[in-house]
Protein backbone atom coordinates (compact mmCIF):
# COMPACT_ATOMS: atom_id res chain seq x y z
CA HIS A 1 72.16 90.88 71.58
CA VAL A 2 71.91 93.55 68.87
CA LEU A 3 74.88 92.01 67.04
CA THR A 4 72.85 88.89 66.31
CA HIS A 5 70.47 90.98 64.20
CA LEU A 6 73.12 92.81 62.17
CA PRO A 7 73.84 91.46 58.69
CA LYS A 8 76.96 89.32 58.54
CA ASP A 9 78.57 90.76 55.45
CA ILE A 10 82.25 90.85 56.46
CA THR A 11 84.12 87.68 55.51
CA CYS A 12 87.27 86.82 57.45
CA TRP A 13 90.34 87.68 55.41
CA ALA A 14 91.94 84.33 56.23
CA CYS A 15 89.01 81.86 56.21
CA ASP A 16 85.34 81.66 55.24
CA LYS A 17 83.71 82.76 58.52
CA VAL A 18 81.45 85.81 58.32
CA PHE A 19 80.99 88.63 60.81
CA SER A 20 78.85 91.71 61.30
CA LYS A 21 81.70 93.98 62.45
CA TYR A 22 85.42 94.31 61.80
CA SER A 23 86.08 94.19 65.54
CA THR A 24 84.53 90.73 65.84
CA MET A 25 86.53 89.51 62.85
CA LEU A 26 89.75 90.83 64.44
CA ALA A 27 88.80 89.17 67.74
CA HIS A 28 88.40 85.93 65.76
CA LEU A 29 91.91 86.39 64.31
CA GLU A 30 93.32 87.18 67.77
CA THR A 31 92.07 83.85 69.14
CA GLU A 32 94.60 82.12 66.89
CA LYS A 33 91.99 79.59 65.80
CA CYS A 34 92.30 80.88 62.24
CA LYS A 35 95.16 80.87 59.71
CA VAL A 36 96.62 84.10 61.14
CA THR A 37 98.22 84.40 64.57
CA ARG A 38 97.94 87.33 66.99
CA PHE A 39 101.69 87.83 66.58
CA GLN A 40 101.30 88.19 62.79
CA LEU A 41 98.39 90.59 63.28
CA ASP A 42 100.48 92.74 65.66
CA LYS A 43 103.44 92.73 63.25
CA LEU A 44 101.20 93.78 60.37
CA ALA A 45 99.61 96.53 62.47
CA ILE A 46 102.97 98.11 63.30
CA ALA A 47 104.15 97.71 59.68
CA CYS A 48 101.35 99.99 58.51
CA PRO A 49 102.73 103.51 57.74
CA PHE A 50 100.02 105.03 59.98
CA SER A 51 100.86 102.96 63.08
CA VAL A 52 102.26 106.07 64.78
CA ASP A 53 98.62 107.16 65.20
CA TYR A 54 97.35 104.02 66.97
CA VAL A 55 100.39 102.24 68.54
CA ILE A 56 101.34 103.63 71.93
CA PRO A 57 104.90 105.01 71.80
CA GLY A 58 107.35 102.50 73.24
CA GLN A 59 105.14 99.45 72.61
CA GLU A 60 106.46 98.67 69.13
CA CYS A 61 109.03 96.18 70.47
CA TYR A 62 106.39 94.47 72.59
CA LEU A 63 104.33 93.94 69.44
CA ARG A 64 107.17 93.34 66.96
CA TYR A 65 109.06 90.66 68.85
CA GLY A 66 106.20 88.59 70.19
CA ASP A 67 106.52 89.65 73.80
CA ARG A 68 102.85 88.70 74.26
CA LYS A 69 103.96 85.06 74.19
CA LYS A 70 106.71 85.73 76.73
CA PHE A 71 104.28 87.63 78.92
CA LYS A 72 101.77 84.76 78.80
CA ALA A 73 104.47 82.18 79.47
CA LYS A 74 105.20 83.75 82.88
CA ALA A 75 101.88 82.49 84.24
CA VAL A 76 102.35 79.53 86.56
CA PHE A 77 99.47 77.23 87.53
CA LYS A 78 99.91 76.27 91.16
CA SER A 79 96.20 76.46 91.94
CA SER A 80 93.04 77.94 90.47
CA ILE A 81 94.16 81.45 91.44
CA CYS A 82 95.82 83.86 89.02
CA ASN A 83 99.27 84.57 90.42
CA ARG A 84 99.18 88.15 89.07
CA CYS A 85 95.86 89.45 90.44
CA GLU A 86 94.82 86.62 92.80
CA ARG A 87 91.47 86.19 91.06
CA TYR A 88 89.94 82.80 91.91
CA PHE A 89 88.59 80.40 89.28
CA PRO A 90 86.44 77.42 90.31
CA ILE A 91 87.83 75.32 87.43
CA THR A 92 91.34 75.27 85.99
CA ALA A 93 90.04 75.69 82.43
CA GLY A 94 88.68 79.11 83.41
CA LEU A 95 92.09 80.14 84.72
CA VAL A 96 93.84 78.88 81.59
CA SER A 97 91.43 80.84 79.37
CA TYR A 98 91.89 83.94 81.54
CA VAL A 99 95.70 83.78 81.38
CA ASP A 100 95.57 83.19 77.61
CA SER A 101 93.49 86.36 77.20
CA SER A 102 95.07 89.80 77.12
CA PHE A 103 93.66 90.82 80.49
CA HIS A 104 97.08 91.39 82.09
CA HIS A 105 98.88 92.52 78.96
CA PRO A 106 100.05 96.13 78.76
CA TYR A 107 98.21 98.60 76.59
CA ALA A 108 99.80 98.59 73.13
CA TYR A 109 97.20 100.38 71.01
CA GLN A 110 95.37 103.68 71.37
CA CYS A 111 92.59 105.56 69.64
CA ALA A 112 94.10 108.04 67.20
CA ALA A 113 91.61 110.73 68.26
CA CYS A 114 90.99 110.46 72.03
CA LYS A 115 94.08 108.37 73.00
CA THR A 116 92.03 105.78 74.92
CA PRO A 117 94.38 102.76 75.37
CA PHE A 118 93.65 99.15 74.36
CA THR A 119 95.50 95.84 74.73
CA ASP A 120 94.21 94.47 71.41
CA LEU A 121 93.29 95.66 67.94
CA SER A 122 89.79 94.24 68.37
CA GLY A 123 89.26 96.49 71.39
CA LEU A 124 90.40 99.52 69.42
CA LEU A 125 88.07 98.61 66.55
CA THR A 126 85.14 98.08 68.95
CA HIS A 127 85.74 101.58 70.29
CA VAL A 128 85.85 103.07 66.79
CA GLU A 129 82.88 101.08 65.43
CA ASN A 130 80.72 102.08 68.39
CA THR A 131 81.51 105.75 67.65
CA LEU A 132 82.60 106.42 71.22
CA CYS A 133 84.67 109.37 70.01
CA SER A 134 85.35 111.37 66.85
CA GLU A 135 87.45 108.61 65.25
CA SER A 136 85.82 106.26 62.76
CA ILE A 137 86.80 103.78 60.09
CA SER A 138 85.89 106.30 57.40
CA TYR A 139 86.45 109.71 59.07
CA GLY A 140 88.62 111.31 61.75
CA THR A 141 92.34 110.81 61.22
CA GLY A 142 91.64 108.03 58.72
CA SER A 143 94.31 105.85 60.36
CA ILE A 144 91.93 103.05 61.29
CA GLY A 145 90.53 102.76 57.76
CA LYS A 146 94.08 102.71 56.42
CA LEU A 147 95.03 100.07 59.00
CA LEU A 148 92.10 97.88 57.94
CA HIS A 149 93.08 98.28 54.29
CA HIS A 150 96.70 97.40 55.15
CA LEU A 151 95.58 94.28 57.06
CA TRP A 152 93.19 93.24 54.30
CA ARG A 153 95.89 93.69 51.64
CA ASN A 154 98.38 91.56 53.58
CA ILE A 155 96.04 88.92 55.03
CA GLY A 156 93.25 88.89 52.46
CA GLY A 157 95.75 88.65 49.65
CA GLY A 158 96.84 85.30 51.10
CA ARG A 159 100.30 86.53 52.04
CA ALA A 160 100.00 85.84 55.79
CA THR A 161 99.70 82.27 57.04
CA GLN A 162 100.83 80.47 60.17
CA GLU A 163 103.99 79.31 58.43
CA ASP A 164 105.11 82.96 58.10
CA GLY A 165 105.50 83.22 61.94
């Protein structure tokens, strides 16, 4: 509820939508309803020279080669039950949305300071923005601020679009 009262002064780097936090903007980009895909976002994140601080060792290939799509494609809809965790959904649309989310994806990102793992960049940014540890966008290792600058430079500069795949 508090988010609704924060000023929306962060404009999406790929469209005109505005947000109150970087984490919500990244979540918007991860939904793939914008000009940038999650795959492009992951590729840009690992291309940043500071990715060693926030990408879990061994997960670079998962992010670089689009294994999220392969992972999602393994879901089979035989009923309204997730075939990975057996969670029941009263409507099929709920199951489709659940499988499309990153709920069952492996952890690919981590906080540079406390090493808490995350499946998505937006989760990592939420952690950092909520000051749940000593890492921040502007202090700590500085990796997250440098990541945001790297993403802004490559997306905000208009160099990343869906055609770039």
